[in-house]
């Protein structure tokens, strides 16, 4: 097993606790008649809840209920999951993969986009923008392997994974990278986005949807007035700030959907909040989340705005 890369903030005792308490995973199909229970018990560290949820959502599993609890240096999570058809998990290869993945979450997880160059784009959304972006990449001999795009409130964030058309290798030539950045930045700017259009090239490997969350959050698009509301079924988000107890309670009621818990936990994690207790329930098409979290510098108004963006 590869050597663990420790965050700089951990002392030697904390590292020892984690080594001695690698995650214990139990997958149970007998307790609940409608869902498979996935139980994870481990030493706690910031971000580990997100990585556990990421394992499940990357398999397109639905999390119907969840109970999250931590006490001191340890945490226990229980997830009620089904496949996309609402059935319990019976495929032994899937169950084995979940067990192995959750048992190694202390070692971090990433996308398997080795050998590719990641292009990160943010700017003002407009008709024909992606067509222009892909036309520029084709002209610069870049082969697009995969792309994911998010839009919200008139803004766009995109991760595009490319390689050199001729060699099939990552694009590492500095002059070529400079040409790509210059051309795409001009496309993103258009006629009216001189300041906020951004284009960067990264060789790093990261989880695509988490990185898109970070890009949208950095762009602060949630502070803009909504361009269009697609539904009257708008999420209800409330935040109670218990300053005397140094934590906040986030209540979310919204339409249930795939990857909902991942998006919620990702937002809180990237805002440096620690979830120490939470209950997640679904009933029909509705989802109900009660999340207790804390941060060294409380910023509950920002939580509220971020969740309006997210959901």
Protein backbone atom coordinates (compact mmCIF):
# COMPACT_ATOMS: atom_id res chain seq x y z
CA UNK A 1 0.00 0.00 0.00
CA UNK A 2 1.29 3.44 -0.86
CA UNK A 3 2.64 5.75 1.85
CA UNK A 4 0.04 7.99 3.39
CA UNK A 5 0.38 11.71 2.67
CA UNK A 6 -0.36 13.47 5.95
CA UNK A 7 -1.75 17.01 6.25
CA UNK A 8 0.82 19.33 7.80
CA UNK A 9 -1.50 20.13 10.74
CA UNK A 10 -1.47 16.56 12.15
CA UNK A 11 0.86 15.79 15.04
CA UNK A 12 2.50 12.39 15.55
CA UNK A 13 -0.14 11.23 18.03
CA UNK A 14 -2.96 11.99 15.58
CA UNK A 15 -1.12 10.06 12.87
CA UNK A 16 -0.76 7.09 15.23
CA UNK A 17 -4.49 7.17 16.05
CA UNK A 18 -5.37 7.06 12.35
CA UNK A 19 -2.92 4.20 11.65
CA UNK A 20 -4.33 2.19 14.54
CA UNK A 21 -7.93 2.87 13.54
CA UNK A 22 -8.21 2.31 9.82
CA UNK A 23 -11.88 2.35 8.77
CA UNK A 24 -13.95 -0.69 9.68
CA UNK A 25 -16.67 -1.31 7.12
CA UNK A 26 -19.75 -3.50 7.49
CA UNK A 27 -22.26 -4.00 4.68
CA UNK A 28 -25.54 -5.46 5.88
CA UNK A 29 -28.42 -6.67 3.72
CA UNK A 30 -30.41 -8.29 6.54
CA UNK A 31 -31.42 -5.43 8.84
CA UNK A 32 -33.45 -3.25 6.46
CA UNK A 33 -35.96 -4.74 4.00
CA UNK A 34 -35.70 -1.87 1.51
CA UNK A 35 -32.03 -0.82 1.53
CA UNK A 36 -28.48 -2.05 2.06
CA UNK A 37 -26.78 -0.67 5.17
CA UNK A 38 -23.21 0.54 4.84
CA UNK A 39 -21.55 1.22 8.19
CA UNK A 40 -18.21 2.99 8.48
CA UNK A 41 -16.36 3.34 11.79
CA UNK A 42 -13.01 5.14 11.84
CA UNK A 43 -10.73 7.75 13.32
CA UNK A 44 -11.93 11.18 12.30
CA UNK A 45 -10.19 13.70 10.13
CA UNK A 46 -11.42 16.67 8.12
CA UNK A 47 -12.80 15.57 4.75
CA UNK A 48 -13.19 11.87 5.50
CA UNK A 49 -17.00 12.09 5.47
CA UNK A 50 -16.90 13.61 2.00
CA UNK A 51 -14.62 10.84 0.75
CA UNK A 52 -16.95 8.17 2.14
CA UNK A 53 -19.98 9.75 0.47
CA UNK A 54 -17.95 10.16 -2.72
CA UNK A 55 -17.32 6.40 -2.88
CA UNK A 56 -21.06 5.73 -2.83
CA UNK A 57 -22.13 8.47 -5.23
CA UNK A 58 -19.44 7.60 -7.77
CA UNK A 59 -21.19 4.22 -8.03
CA UNK A 60 -24.50 6.01 -8.74
CA UNK A 61 -26.02 4.69 -5.53
CA UNK A 62 -28.97 6.43 -3.90
CA UNK A 63 -28.54 7.34 -0.24
CA UNK A 64 -32.05 7.05 1.18
CA UNK A 65 -31.11 7.64 4.81
CA UNK A 66 -27.93 8.43 6.70
CA UNK A 67 -26.86 8.86 10.30
CA UNK A 68 -23.59 10.64 10.95
CA UNK A 69 -22.08 10.87 14.41
CA UNK A 70 -18.65 11.70 15.77
CA UNK A 71 -17.30 11.77 19.28
CA UNK A 72 -13.84 13.11 19.97
CA UNK A 73 -11.40 11.54 17.51
CA UNK A 74 -13.77 8.93 16.07
CA UNK A 75 -16.83 8.82 13.85
CA UNK A 76 -19.54 6.39 12.86
CA UNK A 77 -21.57 6.74 9.66
CA UNK A 78 -24.51 4.56 8.63
CA UNK A 79 -25.83 4.87 5.08
CA UNK A 80 -29.02 3.25 3.72
CA UNK A 81 -28.32 2.82 0.00
CA UNK A 82 -30.01 1.37 -3.08
CA UNK A 83 -29.24 1.22 -6.76
CA UNK A 84 -30.89 3.64 -9.20
CA UNK A 85 -33.91 1.32 -9.45
CA UNK A 86 -34.44 1.39 -5.69
CA UNK A 87 -33.16 -2.16 -5.14
CA UNK A 88 -30.81 -3.45 -2.46
CA UNK A 89 -27.23 -4.24 -3.50
CA UNK A 90 -26.75 -7.91 -4.40
CA UNK A 91 -23.77 -7.83 -6.77
CA UNK A 92 -20.84 -9.20 -4.75
CA UNK A 93 -18.29 -7.37 -6.90
CA UNK A 94 -19.96 -4.03 -6.10
CA UNK A 95 -20.13 -4.86 -2.39
CA UNK A 96 -16.47 -5.88 -2.38
CA UNK A 97 -15.48 -2.68 -4.20
CA UNK A 98 -17.35 -0.55 -1.63
CA UNK A 99 -15.65 -2.37 1.24
CA UNK A 100 -12.16 -1.99 -0.22
CA UNK A 101 -12.69 1.66 -1.18
CA UNK A 102 -14.08 2.70 2.20
CA UNK A 103 -11.35 0.83 4.06
CA UNK A 104 -8.71 2.95 2.31
CA UNK A 105 -10.36 6.40 2.38
CA UNK A 106 -7.69 7.70 4.77
CA UNK A 107 -5.34 7.54 1.77
CA UNK A 108 -7.43 9.96 -0.27
CA UNK A 109 -9.28 9.48 -3.54
CA UNK A 110 -9.05 11.07 -6.99
CA UNK A 111 -10.23 10.61 -10.51
CA UNK A 112 -8.32 8.28 -12.81
CA UNK A 113 -7.38 10.94 -15.34
CA UNK A 114 -3.65 10.23 -15.34
CA UNK A 115 -1.94 11.12 -18.59
CA UNK A 116 -4.30 13.98 -19.39
CA UNK A 117 -4.17 17.75 -19.07
CA UNK A 118 -7.07 19.42 -17.26
CA UNK A 119 -8.38 22.76 -18.52
CA UNK A 120 -10.35 24.77 -15.95
CA UNK A 121 -12.67 27.44 -17.34
CA UNK A 122 -15.00 29.92 -15.63
CA UNK A 123 -16.84 32.84 -17.17
CA UNK A 124 -20.17 34.24 -18.31
CA UNK A 125 -22.45 31.70 -19.95
CA UNK A 126 -23.78 32.50 -23.42
CA UNK A 127 -25.20 30.74 -26.45
CA UNK A 128 -22.50 29.03 -28.52
CA UNK A 129 -19.74 29.30 -25.92
CA UNK A 130 -18.92 25.59 -25.77
CA UNK A 131 -18.95 25.33 -29.54
CA UNK A 132 -16.33 28.07 -29.72
CA UNK A 133 -14.24 26.45 -26.97
CA UNK A 134 -14.16 23.06 -28.72
CA UNK A 135 -13.42 24.70 -32.07
CA UNK A 136 -10.36 26.40 -30.55
CA UNK A 137 -9.16 23.13 -29.01
CA UNK A 138 -9.53 21.30 -32.32
CA UNK A 139 -7.58 24.05 -34.08
CA UNK A 140 -4.79 23.72 -31.49
CA UNK A 141 -4.56 19.93 -32.02
CA UNK A 142 -6.06 19.08 -28.62
CA UNK A 143 -8.08 15.89 -28.37
CA UNK A 144 -10.95 16.17 -25.87
CA UNK A 145 -11.22 12.96 -23.81
CA UNK A 146 -13.87 14.07 -21.34
CA UNK A 147 -15.62 17.29 -20.35
CA UNK A 148 -18.05 18.33 -17.66
CA UNK A 149 -19.87 21.67 -17.53
CA UNK A 150 -21.95 23.36 -14.84
CA UNK A 151 -23.96 26.55 -15.33
CA UNK A 152 -25.75 28.66 -12.74
CA UNK A 153 -26.97 32.26 -12.53
CA UNK A 154 -25.48 33.08 -15.91
CA UNK A 155 -22.06 31.68 -14.99
CA UNK A 156 -20.25 28.64 -16.35
CA UNK A 157 -17.60 26.36 -14.86
CA UNK A 158 -16.05 23.60 -16.90
CA UNK A 159 -13.35 20.95 -16.61
CA UNK A 160 -12.09 19.66 -19.95
CA UNK A 161 -9.56 16.81 -20.07
CA UNK A 162 -7.39 16.83 -23.19
CA UNK A 163 -4.32 15.23 -24.72
CA UNK A 164 -2.16 16.00 -27.72
CA UNK A 165 -3.78 14.79 -30.96
CA UNK A 166 -0.49 13.65 -32.48
CA UNK A 167 1.32 11.99 -29.58
CA UNK A 168 -1.62 11.04 -27.38
CA UNK A 169 0.35 12.38 -24.41
CA UNK A 170 -0.44 15.12 -21.90
CA UNK A 171 0.25 18.63 -23.14
CA UNK A 172 3.43 19.71 -21.36
CA UNK A 173 5.05 22.13 -23.83
CA UNK A 174 4.97 25.56 -22.16
CA UNK A 175 4.50 27.44 -25.43
CA UNK A 176 1.56 25.23 -26.41
CA UNK A 177 0.01 25.72 -22.96
CA UNK A 178 0.42 29.49 -23.30
CA UNK A 179 -1.34 29.39 -26.69
CA UNK A 180 -4.22 27.35 -25.27
CA UNK A 181 -4.63 29.71 -22.32
CA UNK A 182 -4.53 32.85 -24.48
CA UNK A 183 -7.00 31.58 -27.08
CA UNK A 184 -9.50 30.19 -24.59
CA UNK A 185 -9.31 33.23 -22.34
CA UNK A 186 -10.25 35.41 -25.31
CA UNK A 187 -13.21 33.13 -26.06
CA UNK A 188 -14.38 33.26 -22.45
CA UNK A 189 -14.08 37.03 -22.24
CA UNK A 190 -16.37 37.64 -25.19
CA UNK A 191 -17.50 41.25 -25.27
CA UNK A 192 -18.41 41.84 -21.64
CA UNK A 193 -16.48 39.55 -19.28
CA UNK A 194 -13.07 41.17 -19.17
CA UNK A 195 -12.54 40.78 -15.40
CA UNK A 196 -14.14 37.52 -14.32
CA UNK A 197 -13.30 35.11 -17.18
CA UNK A 198 -10.62 32.63 -16.08
CA UNK A 199 -8.74 29.88 -17.84
CA UNK A 200 -6.04 27.73 -16.22
CA UNK A 201 -4.21 24.55 -17.20
CA UNK A 202 -3.57 21.91 -14.56
CA UNK A 203 -1.66 18.63 -14.60
CA UNK A 204 -3.12 17.68 -11.20
CA UNK A 205 -5.54 14.81 -10.81
CA UNK A 206 -8.64 15.60 -8.78
CA UNK A 207 -12.25 14.55 -8.40
CA UNK A 208 -14.09 16.33 -11.20
CA UNK A 209 -17.31 17.25 -9.43
CA UNK A 210 -15.54 18.34 -6.27
CA UNK A 211 -13.29 20.59 -8.33
CA UNK A 212 -16.35 22.09 -10.08
CA UNK A 213 -17.82 22.84 -6.65
CA UNK A 214 -14.61 24.64 -5.70
CA UNK A 215 -14.56 26.60 -8.95
CA UNK A 216 -18.18 27.71 -8.58
CA UNK A 217 -17.63 28.61 -4.94
CA UNK A 218 -14.52 30.65 -5.80
CA UNK A 219 -16.50 32.39 -8.54
CA UNK A 220 -19.12 33.27 -5.87
CA UNK A 221 -21.93 32.93 -8.39
CA UNK A 222 -24.37 32.28 -5.54
CA UNK A 223 -24.09 35.97 -4.59
CA UNK A 224 -25.58 37.01 -7.92
CA UNK A 225 -29.30 37.43 -8.47
CA UNK A 226 -30.84 34.30 -10.03
CA UNK A 227 -31.17 34.61 -13.79
CA UNK A 228 -33.99 32.07 -13.96
CA UNK A 229 -35.83 29.88 -11.50
CA UNK A 230 -36.80 26.66 -13.19
CA UNK A 231 -39.25 25.45 -10.56
CA UNK A 232 -41.55 26.69 -7.85
CA UNK A 233 -40.33 23.76 -5.74
CA UNK A 234 -37.45 25.78 -4.36
CA UNK A 235 -35.36 24.34 -1.49
CA UNK A 236 -36.00 25.53 2.05
CA UNK A 237 -32.71 26.18 3.85
CA UNK A 238 -32.45 27.49 7.40
CA UNK A 239 -29.38 27.97 9.55
CA UNK A 240 -29.43 28.28 13.32
CA UNK A 241 -26.26 29.68 14.81
CA UNK A 242 -25.67 28.47 18.37
CA UNK A 243 -22.83 30.82 19.22
CA UNK A 244 -22.78 29.83 22.89
CA UNK A 245 -22.24 26.20 21.86
CA UNK A 246 -19.87 27.03 18.97
CA UNK A 247 -21.80 25.21 16.27
CA UNK A 248 -24.52 25.75 13.69
CA UNK A 249 -27.52 23.64 12.69
CA UNK A 250 -28.32 23.52 8.98
CA UNK A 251 -31.82 22.35 8.00
CA UNK A 252 -32.52 21.54 4.37
CA UNK A 253 -35.81 20.45 2.81
CA UNK A 254 -35.80 19.90 -0.93
CA UNK A 255 -36.62 17.52 -3.73
CA UNK A 256 -34.55 14.36 -3.47
CA UNK A 257 -32.06 13.63 -6.25
CA UNK A 258 -28.92 11.67 -6.94
CA UNK A 259 -25.71 13.04 -5.41
CA UNK A 260 -27.62 15.38 -3.09
CA UNK A 261 -25.68 14.38 0.03
CA UNK A 262 -22.38 14.57 -1.85
CA UNK A 263 -23.15 18.13 -2.96
CA UNK A 264 -24.18 19.20 0.54
CA UNK A 265 -21.15 17.68 2.27
CA UNK A 266 -18.83 18.97 -0.46
CA UNK A 267 -20.05 22.53 0.06
CA UNK A 268 -19.60 22.37 3.83
CA UNK A 269 -16.18 20.71 3.57
CA UNK A 270 -14.84 23.28 1.12
CA UNK A 271 -16.08 26.03 3.44
CA UNK A 272 -14.00 24.41 6.24
CA UNK A 273 -17.00 23.24 8.23
CA UNK A 274 -16.85 19.97 10.16
CA UNK A 275 -20.00 17.84 10.26
CA UNK A 276 -20.15 16.11 13.66
CA UNK A 277 -23.79 14.99 13.73
CA UNK A 278 -26.37 14.68 10.97
CA UNK A 279 -29.53 12.83 9.98
CA UNK A 280 -30.70 12.47 6.41
CA UNK A 281 -34.13 11.08 5.54
CA UNK A 282 -36.09 10.76 2.32
CA UNK A 283 -39.83 10.31 1.94
CA UNK A 284 -41.18 9.91 -1.55
CA UNK A 285 -39.55 12.64 -3.64
CA UNK A 286 -38.56 14.81 -0.67
CA UNK A 287 -35.29 14.91 1.29
CA UNK A 288 -34.85 16.21 4.83
CA UNK A 289 -31.38 16.98 6.19
CA UNK A 290 -30.44 18.17 9.68
CA UNK A 291 -26.72 18.84 9.96
CA UNK A 292 -24.75 19.99 13.01
CA UNK A 293 -21.44 21.54 12.02
CA UNK A 294 -18.82 23.89 13.34
CA UNK A 295 -16.06 26.13 12.08
CA UNK A 296 -13.44 28.13 13.90
CA UNK A 297 -14.81 31.35 12.38
CA UNK A 298 -18.61 31.15 12.21
CA UNK A 299 -20.13 32.36 8.95
CA UNK A 300 -23.69 31.06 8.89
CA UNK A 301 -24.98 33.72 6.49
CA UNK A 302 -22.46 32.46 3.94
CA UNK A 303 -23.68 28.89 4.50
CA UNK A 304 -27.21 29.96 3.67
CA UNK A 305 -26.14 31.66 0.44
CA UNK A 306 -23.97 28.74 -0.62
CA UNK A 307 -26.80 26.25 -0.15
CA UNK A 308 -29.16 28.40 -2.21
CA UNK A 309 -26.59 28.11 -5.00
CA UNK A 310 -26.08 24.40 -4.46
CA UNK A 311 -29.65 23.16 -4.51
